[in-house]
Amino acid sequence: MSRPAREAGFGIVPGPLSAAVIVTIVVQLSAVIWFLARLEGRVEVNEQFRLASAPLQAQMTRLDERFDAVFRDLDRIERRLMRLEEHFTGPGAGDRSR
């Protein structure tokens, strides 16, 4: 590389600056490795929690289906009661008292 290129800042970095750059890169790399190790630990804890809660999720699904069935039955009963109420209290209900 020519001398003017080095003087313009292109080319080999001077000694003390290269050591600072290397130290900075090493520190940043170690911080990234530490962060990823902590992230792996969090993922592992979440995975264990998910596996431990799988039976509870299945039970909750069954309970939800049961509640839906009960609510459907209650709606059906309520509709029948409303029809009976309309039948006995509707117009001409007094004529049926014979």
PDB file of N, CA and C in Angstrom:
ATOM      1  N   MET A   1       0.848  -1.165   0.000  1.00  0.00           N
ATOM      2  CA  MET A   1       0.000   0.000   0.000  1.00  0.00           C
ATOM      3  C   MET A   1       0.896   1.232   0.000  1.00  0.00           C
ATOM      4  N   SER A   2       0.477   2.219  -0.688  1.00  0.00           N
ATOM      5  CA  SER A   2       1.314   3.428  -0.824  1.00  0.00           C
ATOM      6  C   SER A   2       1.256   4.266   0.444  1.00  0.00           C
ATOM      7  N   ARG A   3       2.248   5.122   0.577  1.00  0.00           N
ATOM      8  CA  ARG A   3       2.352   5.976   1.763  1.00  0.00           C
ATOM      9  C   ARG A   3       1.167   6.940   1.894  1.00  0.00           C
ATOM     10  N   PRO A   4       0.679   7.604   0.846  1.00  0.00           N
ATOM     11  CA  PRO A   4      -0.464   8.504   1.004  1.00  0.00           C
ATOM     12  C   PRO A   4      -1.718   7.772   1.469  1.00  0.00           C
ATOM     13  N   ALA A   5      -1.893   6.514   1.066  1.00  0.00           N
ATOM     14  CA  ALA A   5      -3.063   5.758   1.499  1.00  0.00           C
ATOM     15  C   ALA A   5      -3.000   5.509   3.005  1.00  0.00           C
ATOM     16  N   ARG A   6      -1.800   5.196   3.530  1.00  0.00           N
ATOM     17  CA  ARG A   6      -1.643   4.971   4.973  1.00  0.00           C
ATOM     18  C   ARG A   6      -1.898   6.255   5.744  1.00  0.00           C
ATOM     19  N   GLU A   7      -1.424   7.341   5.240  1.00  0.00           N
ATOM     20  CA  GLU A   7      -1.608   8.613   5.931  1.00  0.00           C
ATOM     21  C   GLU A   7      -3.070   9.050   5.921  1.00  0.00           C
ATOM     22  N   ALA A   8      -3.836   8.614   4.940  1.00  0.00           N
ATOM     23  CA  ALA A   8      -5.247   8.975   4.862  1.00  0.00           C
ATOM     24  C   ALA A   8      -6.097   8.104   5.789  1.00  0.00           C
ATOM     25  N   GLY A   9      -5.482   7.116   6.404  1.00  0.00           N
ATOM     26  CA  GLY A   9      -6.226   6.279   7.332  1.00  0.00           C
ATOM     27  C   GLY A   9      -6.598   4.923   6.767  1.00  0.00           C
ATOM     28  N   PHE A  10      -6.155   4.621   5.580  1.00  0.00           N
ATOM     29  CA  PHE A  10      -6.435   3.325   4.978  1.00  0.00           C
ATOM     30  C   PHE A  10      -5.207   2.446   5.121  1.00  0.00           C
ATOM     31  N   GLY A  11      -5.400   1.244   5.585  1.00  0.00           N
ATOM     32  CA  GLY A  11      -4.251   0.353   5.668  1.00  0.00           C
ATOM     33  C   GLY A  11      -4.068  -0.181   7.066  1.00  0.00           C
ATOM     34  N   ILE A  12      -2.837  -0.428   7.425  1.00  0.00           N
ATOM     35  CA  ILE A  12      -2.510  -1.043   8.710  1.00  0.00           C
ATOM     36  C   ILE A  12      -2.708  -0.011   9.822  1.00  0.00           C
ATOM     37  N   VAL A  13      -3.387  -0.470  10.907  1.00  0.00           N
ATOM     38  CA  VAL A  13      -3.675   0.405  12.043  1.00  0.00           C
ATOM     39  C   VAL A  13      -2.440   0.421  12.936  1.00  0.00           C
ATOM     40  N   PRO A  14      -2.084   1.550  13.516  1.00  0.00           N
ATOM     41  CA  PRO A  14      -0.914   1.619  14.398  1.00  0.00           C
ATOM     42  C   PRO A  14      -1.049   0.689  15.599  1.00  0.00           C
ATOM     43  N   GLY A  15       0.044   0.301  16.202  1.00  0.00           N
ATOM     44  CA  GLY A  15       0.113  -0.673  17.285  1.00  0.00           C
ATOM     45  C   GLY A  15      -0.831  -0.455  18.449  1.00  0.00           C
ATOM     46  N   PRO A  16      -0.790   0.694  19.174  1.00  0.00           N
ATOM     47  CA  PRO A  16      -1.664   0.857  20.344  1.00  0.00           C
ATOM     48  C   PRO A  16      -3.143   0.819  19.981  1.00  0.00           C
ATOM     49  N   LEU A  17      -3.476   1.341  18.840  1.00  0.00           N
ATOM     50  CA  LEU A  17      -4.868   1.330  18.426  1.00  0.00           C
ATOM     51  C   LEU A  17      -5.331  -0.086  18.105  1.00  0.00           C
ATOM     52  N   SER A  18      -4.495  -0.894  17.510  1.00  0.00           N
ATOM     53  CA  SER A  18      -4.877  -2.258  17.180  1.00  0.00           C
ATOM     54  C   SER A  18      -5.116  -3.071  18.456  1.00  0.00           C
ATOM     55  N   ALA A  19      -4.333  -2.830  19.498  1.00  0.00           N
ATOM     56  CA  ALA A  19      -4.553  -3.533  20.763  1.00  0.00           C
ATOM     57  C   ALA A  19      -5.891  -3.114  21.368  1.00  0.00           C
ATOM     58  N   ALA A  20      -6.230  -1.844  21.280  1.00  0.00           N
ATOM     59  CA  ALA A  20      -7.511  -1.363  21.812  1.00  0.00           C
ATOM     60  C   ALA A  20      -8.673  -1.962  21.031  1.00  0.00           C
ATOM     61  N   VAL A  21      -8.508  -2.059  19.727  1.00  0.00           N
ATOM     62  CA  VAL A  21      -9.562  -2.651  18.900  1.00  0.00           C
ATOM     63  C   VAL A  21      -9.736  -4.121  19.240  1.00  0.00           C
ATOM     64  N   ILE A  22      -8.625  -4.829  19.409  1.00  0.00           N
ATOM     65  CA  ILE A  22      -8.691  -6.259  19.751  1.00  0.00           C
ATOM     66  C   ILE A  22      -9.347  -6.449  21.108  1.00  0.00           C
ATOM     67  N   VAL A  23      -8.955  -5.639  22.090  1.00  0.00           N
ATOM     68  CA  VAL A  23      -9.560  -5.748  23.423  1.00  0.00           C
ATOM     69  C   VAL A  23     -11.061  -5.457  23.351  1.00  0.00           C
ATOM     70  N   THR A  24     -11.441  -4.447  22.605  1.00  0.00           N
ATOM     71  CA  THR A  24     -12.860  -4.106  22.463  1.00  0.00           C
ATOM     72  C   THR A  24     -13.640  -5.251  21.828  1.00  0.00           C
ATOM     73  N   ILE A  25     -13.081  -5.841  20.797  1.00  0.00           N
ATOM     74  CA  ILE A  25     -13.760  -6.965  20.132  1.00  0.00           C
ATOM     75  C   ILE A  25     -13.880  -8.149  21.074  1.00  0.00           C
ATOM     76  N   VAL A  26     -12.836  -8.432  21.829  1.00  0.00           N
ATOM     77  CA  VAL A  26     -12.873  -9.550  22.782  1.00  0.00           C
ATOM     78  C   VAL A  26     -13.926  -9.300  23.861  1.00  0.00           C
ATOM     79  N   VAL A  27     -13.990  -8.089  24.370  1.00  0.00           N
ATOM     80  CA  VAL A  27     -14.986  -7.764  25.399  1.00  0.00           C
ATOM     81  C   VAL A  27     -16.401  -7.892  24.829  1.00  0.00           C
ATOM     82  N   GLN A  28     -16.612  -7.373  23.632  1.00  0.00           N
ATOM     83  CA  GLN A  28     -17.936  -7.476  23.026  1.00  0.00           C
ATOM     84  C   GLN A  28     -18.310  -8.924  22.736  1.00  0.00           C
ATOM     85  N   LEU A  29     -17.359  -9.706  22.257  1.00  0.00           N
ATOM     86  CA  LEU A  29     -17.621 -11.116  21.979  1.00  0.00           C
ATOM     87  C   LEU A  29     -17.962 -11.868  23.259  1.00  0.00           C
ATOM     88  N   SER A  30     -17.241 -11.586  24.337  1.00  0.00           N
ATOM     89  CA  SER A  30     -17.545 -12.256  25.600  1.00  0.00           C
ATOM     90  C   SER A  30     -18.923 -11.833  26.124  1.00  0.00           C
ATOM     91  N   ALA A  31     -19.304 -10.584  25.910  1.00  0.00           N
ATOM     92  CA  ALA A  31     -20.633 -10.135  26.336  1.00  0.00           C
ATOM     93  C   ALA A  31     -21.717 -10.840  25.528  1.00  0.00           C
ATOM     94  N   VAL A  32     -21.500 -11.023  24.240  1.00  0.00           N
ATOM     95  CA  VAL A  32     -22.479 -11.729  23.401  1.00  0.00           C
ATOM     96  C   VAL A  32     -22.593 -13.183  23.837  1.00  0.00           C
ATOM     97  N   ILE A  33     -21.476 -13.828  24.112  1.00  0.00           N
ATOM     98  CA  ILE A  33     -21.498 -15.230  24.568  1.00  0.00           C
ATOM     99  C   ILE A  33     -22.218 -15.329  25.905  1.00  0.00           C
ATOM    100  N   TRP A  34     -21.949 -14.418  26.816  1.00  0.00           N
ATOM    101  CA  TRP A  34     -22.620 -14.433  28.121  1.00  0.00           C
ATOM    102  C   TRP A  34     -24.124 -14.238  27.941  1.00  0.00           C
ATOM    103  N   PHE A  35     -24.518 -13.289  27.089  1.00  0.00           N
ATOM    104  CA  PHE A  35     -25.937 -13.038  26.842  1.00  0.00           C
ATOM    105  C   PHE A  35     -26.617 -14.278  26.259  1.00  0.00           C
ATOM    106  N   LEU A  36     -25.984 -14.920  25.296  1.00  0.00           N
ATOM    107  CA  LEU A  36     -26.577 -16.117  24.683  1.00  0.00           C
ATOM    108  C   LEU A  36     -26.677 -17.275  25.681  1.00  0.00           C
ATOM    109  N   ALA A  37     -25.696 -17.382  26.575  1.00  0.00           N
ATOM    110  CA  ALA A  37     -25.768 -18.430  27.603  1.00  0.00           C
ATOM    111  C   ALA A  37     -26.944 -18.176  28.543  1.00  0.00           C
ATOM    112  N   ARG A  38     -27.151 -16.926  28.917  1.00  0.00           N
ATOM    113  CA  ARG A  38     -28.293 -16.589  29.773  1.00  0.00           C
ATOM    114  C   ARG A  38     -29.604 -16.840  29.035  1.00  0.00           C
ATOM    115  N   LEU A  39     -29.641 -16.517  27.760  1.00  0.00           N
ATOM    116  CA  LEU A  39     -30.832 -16.740  26.951  1.00  0.00           C
ATOM    117  C   LEU A  39     -31.147 -18.233  26.862  1.00  0.00           C
ATOM    118  N   GLU A  40     -30.132 -19.048  26.693  1.00  0.00           N
ATOM    119  CA  GLU A  40     -30.323 -20.499  26.641  1.00  0.00           C
ATOM    120  C   GLU A  40     -30.925 -21.000  27.956  1.00  0.00           C
ATOM    121  N   GLY A  41     -30.459 -20.444  29.074  1.00  0.00           N
ATOM    122  CA  GLY A  41     -31.007 -20.834  30.373  1.00  0.00           C
ATOM    123  C   GLY A  41     -32.479 -20.483  30.486  1.00  0.00           C
ATOM    124  N   ARG A  42     -32.856 -19.299  29.990  1.00  0.00           N
ATOM    125  CA  ARG A  42     -34.270 -18.896  30.037  1.00  0.00           C
ATOM    126  C   ARG A  42     -35.126 -19.781  29.152  1.00  0.00           C
ATOM    127  N   VAL A  43     -34.617 -20.129  27.984  1.00  0.00           N
ATOM    128  CA  VAL A  43     -35.359 -21.002  27.084  1.00  0.00           C
ATOM    129  C   VAL A  43     -35.557 -22.370  27.733  1.00  0.00           C
ATOM    130  N   GLU A  44     -34.537 -22.865  28.398  1.00  0.00           N
ATOM    131  CA  GLU A  44     -34.629 -24.164  29.057  1.00  0.00           C
ATOM    132  C   GLU A  44     -35.675 -24.142  30.178  1.00  0.00           C
ATOM    133  N   VAL A  45     -35.703 -23.077  30.965  1.00  0.00           N
ATOM    134  CA  VAL A  45     -36.696 -22.961  32.038  1.00  0.00           C
ATOM    135  C   VAL A  45     -38.106 -22.903  31.459  1.00  0.00           C
ATOM    136  N   ASN A  46     -38.286 -22.131  30.384  1.00  0.00           N
ATOM    137  CA  ASN A  46     -39.606 -22.052  29.748  1.00  0.00           C
ATOM    138  C   ASN A  46     -40.032 -23.396  29.177  1.00  0.00           C
ATOM    139  N   GLU A  47     -39.114 -24.135  28.610  1.00  0.00           N
ATOM    140  CA  GLU A  47     -39.422 -25.458  28.062  1.00  0.00           C
ATOM    141  C   GLU A  47     -39.833 -26.415  29.179  1.00  0.00           C
ATOM    142  N   GLN A  48     -39.132 -26.384  30.293  1.00  0.00           N
ATOM    143  CA  GLN A  48     -39.501 -27.240  31.426  1.00  0.00           C
ATOM    144  C   GLN A  48     -40.879 -26.871  31.953  1.00  0.00           C
ATOM    145  N   PHE A  49     -41.179 -25.576  32.024  1.00  0.00           N
ATOM    146  CA  PHE A  49     -42.491 -25.129  32.493  1.00  0.00           C
ATOM    147  C   PHE A  49     -43.582 -25.603  31.538  1.00  0.00           C
ATOM    148  N   ARG A  50     -43.331 -25.512  30.235  1.00  0.00           N
ATOM    149  CA  ARG A  50     -44.313 -25.939  29.240  1.00  0.00           C
ATOM    150  C   ARG A  50     -44.571 -27.434  29.343  1.00  0.00           C
ATOM    151  N   LEU A  51     -43.511 -28.211  29.519  1.00  0.00           N
ATOM    152  CA  LEU A  51     -43.676 -29.660  29.649  1.00  0.00           C
ATOM    153  C   LEU A  51     -44.412 -30.027  30.937  1.00  0.00           C
ATOM    154  N   ALA A  52     -44.133 -29.285  32.006  1.00  0.00           N
ATOM    155  CA  ALA A  52     -44.792 -29.571  33.281  1.00  0.00           C
ATOM    156  C   ALA A  52     -46.270 -29.186  33.246  1.00  0.00           C
ATOM    157  N   SER A  53     -46.622 -28.194  32.442  1.00  0.00           N
ATOM    158  CA  SER A  53     -48.007 -27.727  32.417  1.00  0.00           C
ATOM    159  C   SER A  53     -48.841 -28.405  31.325  1.00  0.00           C
ATOM    160  N   ALA A  54     -48.266 -29.298  30.551  1.00  0.00           N
ATOM    161  CA  ALA A  54     -49.010 -29.969  29.474  1.00  0.00           C
ATOM    162  C   ALA A  54     -50.219 -30.745  30.006  1.00  0.00           C
ATOM    163  N   PRO A  55     -50.096 -31.526  31.097  1.00  0.00           N
ATOM    164  CA  PRO A  55     -51.290 -32.216  31.611  1.00  0.00           C
ATOM    165  C   PRO A  55     -52.374 -31.234  32.067  1.00  0.00           C
ATOM    166  N   LEU A  56     -51.968 -30.116  32.636  1.00  0.00           N
ATOM    167  CA  LEU A  56     -52.951 -29.119  33.067  1.00  0.00           C
ATOM    168  C   LEU A  56     -53.666 -28.505  31.872  1.00  0.00           C
ATOM    169  N   GLN A  57     -52.954 -28.307  30.789  1.00  0.00           N
ATOM    170  CA  GLN A  57     -53.582 -27.756  29.590  1.00  0.00           C
ATOM    171  C   GLN A  57     -54.614 -28.725  29.040  1.00  0.00           C
ATOM    172  N   ALA A  58     -54.293 -30.013  29.048  1.00  0.00           N
ATOM    173  CA  ALA A  58     -55.255 -31.005  28.561  1.00  0.00           C
ATOM    174  C   ALA A  58     -56.491 -31.028  29.456  1.00  0.00           C
ATOM    175  N   GLN A  59     -56.295 -30.953  30.756  1.00  0.00           N
ATOM    176  CA  GLN A  59     -57.417 -30.933  31.686  1.00  0.00           C
ATOM    177  C   GLN A  59     -58.259 -29.675  31.488  1.00  0.00           C
ATOM    178  N   MET A  60     -57.620 -28.545  31.284  1.00  0.00           N
ATOM    179  CA  MET A  60     -58.359 -27.302  31.060  1.00  0.00           C
ATOM    180  C   MET A  60     -59.177 -27.380  29.769  1.00  0.00           C
ATOM    181  N   THR A  61     -58.634 -28.028  28.754  1.00  0.00           N
ATOM    182  CA  THR A  61     -59.372 -28.187  27.502  1.00  0.00           C
ATOM    183  C   THR A  61     -60.620 -29.028  27.720  1.00  0.00           C
ATOM    184  N   ARG A  62     -60.474 -30.122  28.471  1.00  0.00           N
ATOM    185  CA  ARG A  62     -61.641 -30.971  28.770  1.00  0.00           C
ATOM    186  C   ARG A  62     -62.689 -30.204  29.574  1.00  0.00           C
ATOM    187  N   LEU A  63     -62.238 -29.440  30.569  1.00  0.00           N
ATOM    188  CA  LEU A  63     -63.178 -28.658  31.371  1.00  0.00           C
ATOM    189  C   LEU A  63     -63.889 -27.604  30.527  1.00  0.00           C
ATOM    190  N   ASP A  64     -63.153 -26.989  29.622  1.00  0.00           N
ATOM    191  CA  ASP A  64     -63.752 -25.989  28.750  1.00  0.00           C
ATOM    192  C   ASP A  64     -64.835 -26.622  27.876  1.00  0.00           C
ATOM    193  N   GLU A  65     -64.573 -27.808  27.356  1.00  0.00           N
ATOM    194  CA  GLU A  65     -65.578 -28.507  26.548  1.00  0.00           C
ATOM    195  C   GLU A  65     -66.808 -28.853  27.390  1.00  0.00           C
ATOM    196  N   ARG A  66     -66.580 -29.267  28.629  1.00  0.00           N
ATOM    197  CA  ARG A  66     -67.718 -29.581  29.515  1.00  0.00           C
ATOM    198  C   ARG A  66     -68.554 -28.336  29.791  1.00  0.00           C
ATOM    199  N   PHE A  67     -67.878 -27.208  30.056  1.00  0.00           N
ATOM    200  CA  PHE A  67     -68.617 -25.967  30.297  1.00  0.00           C
ATOM    201  C   PHE A  67     -69.429 -25.564  29.079  1.00  0.00           C
ATOM    202  N   ASP A  68     -68.842 -25.720  27.913  1.00  0.00           N
ATOM    203  CA  ASP A  68     -69.578 -25.397  26.690  1.00  0.00           C
ATOM    204  C   ASP A  68     -70.823 -26.264  26.571  1.00  0.00           C
ATOM    205  N   ALA A  69     -70.702 -27.555  26.882  1.00  0.00           N
ATOM    206  CA  ALA A  69     -71.853 -28.456  26.814  1.00  0.00           C
ATOM    207  C   ALA A  69     -72.915 -28.048  27.834  1.00  0.00           C
ATOM    208  N   VAL A  70     -72.503 -27.690  29.031  1.00  0.00           N
ATOM    209  CA  VAL A  70     -73.450 -27.271  30.065  1.00  0.00           C
ATOM    210  C   VAL A  70     -74.169 -25.995  29.633  1.00  0.00           C
ATOM    211  N   PHE A  71     -73.429 -25.038  29.079  1.00  0.00           N
ATOM    212  CA  PHE A  71     -74.064 -23.794  28.630  1.00  0.00           C
ATOM    213  C   PHE A  71     -75.034 -24.048  27.483  1.00  0.00           C
ATOM    214  N   ARG A  72     -74.699 -24.961  26.584  1.00  0.00           N
ATOM    215  CA  ARG A  72     -75.634 -25.302  25.509  1.00  0.00           C
ATOM    216  C   ARG A  72     -76.909 -25.916  26.086  1.00  0.00           C
ATOM    217  N   ASP A  73     -76.756 -26.813  27.077  1.00  0.00           N
ATOM    218  CA  ASP A  73     -77.926 -27.413  27.715  1.00  0.00           C
ATOM    219  C   ASP A  73     -78.770 -26.351  28.424  1.00  0.00           C
ATOM    220  N   LEU A  74     -78.115 -25.425  29.119  1.00  0.00           N
ATOM    221  CA  LEU A  74     -78.853 -24.364  29.809  1.00  0.00           C
ATOM    222  C   LEU A  74     -79.605 -23.474  28.817  1.00  0.00           C
ATOM    223  N   ASP A  75     -78.989 -23.169  27.702  1.00  0.00           N
ATOM    224  CA  ASP A  75     -79.676 -22.375  26.674  1.00  0.00           C
ATOM    225  C   ASP A  75     -80.896 -23.120  26.138  1.00  0.00           C
ATOM    226  N   ARG A  76     -80.735 -24.417  25.916  1.00  0.00           N
ATOM    227  CA  ARG A  76     -81.854 -25.224  25.424  1.00  0.00           C
ATOM    228  C   ARG A  76     -83.002 -25.243  26.439  1.00  0.00           C
ATOM    229  N   ILE A  77     -82.670 -25.420  27.717  1.00  0.00           N
ATOM    230  CA  ILE A  77     -83.692 -25.432  28.769  1.00  0.00           C
ATOM    231  C   ILE A  77     -84.370 -24.066  28.854  1.00  0.00           C
ATOM    232  N   GLU A  78     -83.591 -23.007  28.765  1.00  0.00           N
ATOM    233  CA  GLU A  78     -84.157 -21.660  28.831  1.00  0.00           C
ATOM    234  C   GLU A  78     -85.120 -21.416  27.664  1.00  0.00           C
ATOM    235  N   ARG A  79     -84.768 -21.871  26.469  1.00  0.00           N
ATOM    236  CA  ARG A  79     -85.671 -21.706  25.326  1.00  0.00           C
ATOM    237  C   ARG A  79     -86.970 -22.473  25.542  1.00  0.00           C
ATOM    238  N   ARG A  80     -86.875 -23.681  26.084  1.00  0.00           N
ATOM    239  CA  ARG A  80     -88.090 -24.460  26.366  1.00  0.00           C
ATOM    240  C   ARG A  80     -88.971 -23.763  27.399  1.00  0.00           C
ATOM    241  N   LEU A  81     -88.336 -23.238  28.448  1.00  0.00           N
ATOM    242  CA  LEU A  81     -89.107 -22.535  29.478  1.00  0.00           C
ATOM    243  C   LEU A  81     -89.789 -21.296  28.914  1.00  0.00           C
ATOM    244  N   MET A  82     -89.108 -20.583  28.042  1.00  0.00           N
ATOM    245  CA  MET A  82     -89.720 -19.400  27.442  1.00  0.00           C
ATOM    246  C   MET A  82     -90.912 -19.783  26.576  1.00  0.00           C
ATOM    247  N   ARG A  83     -90.797 -20.885  25.837  1.00  0.00           N
ATOM    248  CA  ARG A  83     -91.928 -21.328  25.016  1.00  0.00           C
ATOM    249  C   ARG A  83     -93.106 -21.738  25.888  1.00  0.00           C
ATOM    250  N   LEU A  84     -92.820 -22.428  26.991  1.00  0.00           N
ATOM    251  CA  LEU A  84     -93.900 -22.820  27.911  1.00  0.00           C
ATOM    252  C   LEU A  84     -94.553 -21.581  28.532  1.00  0.00           C
ATOM    253  N   GLU A  85     -93.732 -20.615  28.919  1.00  0.00           N
ATOM    254  CA  GLU A  85     -94.265 -19.393  29.509  1.00  0.00           C
ATOM    255  C   GLU A  85     -95.151 -18.658  28.501  1.00  0.00           C
ATOM    256  N   GLU A  86     -94.713 -18.576  27.255  1.00  0.00           N
ATOM    257  CA  GLU A  86     -95.523 -17.940  26.220  1.00  0.00           C
ATOM    258  C   GLU A  86     -96.822 -18.708  25.992  1.00  0.00           C
ATOM    259  N   HIS A  87     -96.744 -20.009  26.073  1.00  0.00           N
ATOM    260  CA  HIS A  87     -97.924 -20.844  25.853  1.00  0.00           C
ATOM    261  C   HIS A  87     -98.977 -20.599  26.942  1.00  0.00           C
ATOM    262  N   PHE A  88     -98.533 -20.498  28.191  1.00  0.00           N
ATOM    263  CA  PHE A  88     -99.477 -20.359  29.293  1.00  0.00           C
ATOM    264  C   PHE A  88     -99.846 -18.908  29.602  1.00  0.00           C
ATOM    265  N   THR A  89     -99.038 -17.934  29.215  1.00  0.00           N
ATOM    266  CA  THR A  89     -99.355 -16.546  29.538  1.00  0.00           C
ATOM    267  C   THR A  89     -99.673 -15.733  28.295  1.00  0.00           C
ATOM    268  N   GLY A  90     -99.691 -16.329  27.144  1.00  0.00           N
ATOM    269  CA  GLY A  90     -99.954 -15.607  25.896  1.00  0.00           C
ATOM    270  C   GLY A  90    -101.426 -15.237  25.770  1.00  0.00           C
ATOM    271  N   PRO A  91    -101.789 -14.634  24.635  1.00  0.00           N
ATOM    272  CA  PRO A  91    -103.184 -14.250  24.419  1.00  0.00           C
ATOM    273  C   PRO A  91    -104.108 -15.476  24.418  1.00  0.00           C
ATOM    274  N   GLY A  92    -105.239 -15.342  25.052  1.00  0.00           N
ATOM    275  CA  GLY A  92    -106.194 -16.431  25.140  1.00  0.00           C
ATOM    276  C   GLY A  92    -105.874 -17.445  26.215  1.00  0.00           C
ATOM    277  N   ALA A  93    -104.899 -17.137  27.106  1.00  0.00           N
ATOM    278  CA  ALA A  93    -104.534 -18.075  28.155  1.00  0.00           C
ATOM    279  C   ALA A  93    -105.691 -18.287  29.124  1.00  0.00           C
ATOM    280  N   GLY A  94    -106.557 -17.292  29.304  1.00  0.00           N
ATOM    281  CA  GLY A  94    -107.708 -17.422  30.198  1.00  0.00           C
ATOM    282  C   GLY A  94    -108.736 -18.413  29.665  1.00  0.00           C
ATOM    283  N   ASP A  95    -108.817 -18.631  28.355  1.00  0.00           N
ATOM    284  CA  ASP A  95    -109.757 -19.578  27.762  1.00  0.00           C
ATOM    285  C   ASP A  95    -109.377 -21.011  28.058  1.00  0.00           C
ATOM    286  N   ARG A  96    -108.145 -21.249  28.391  1.00  0.00           N
ATOM    287  CA  ARG A  96    -107.668 -22.623  28.656  1.00  0.00           C
ATOM    288  C   ARG A  96    -107.951 -23.048  30.097  1.00  0.00           C
ATOM    289  N   SER A  97    -108.577 -22.225  30.875  1.00  0.00           N
ATOM    290  CA  SER A  97    -108.775 -22.547  32.293  1.00  0.00           C
ATOM    291  C   SER A  97    -109.930 -23.485  32.517  1.00  0.00           C
ATOM    292  N   ARG A  98    -110.583 -24.031  31.544  1.00  0.00           N
ATOM    293  CA  ARG A  98    -111.715 -24.937  31.705  1.00  0.00           C
ATOM    294  C   ARG A  98    -111.409 -26.184  32.406  1.00  0.00           C
TER     295      ARG A  98
END
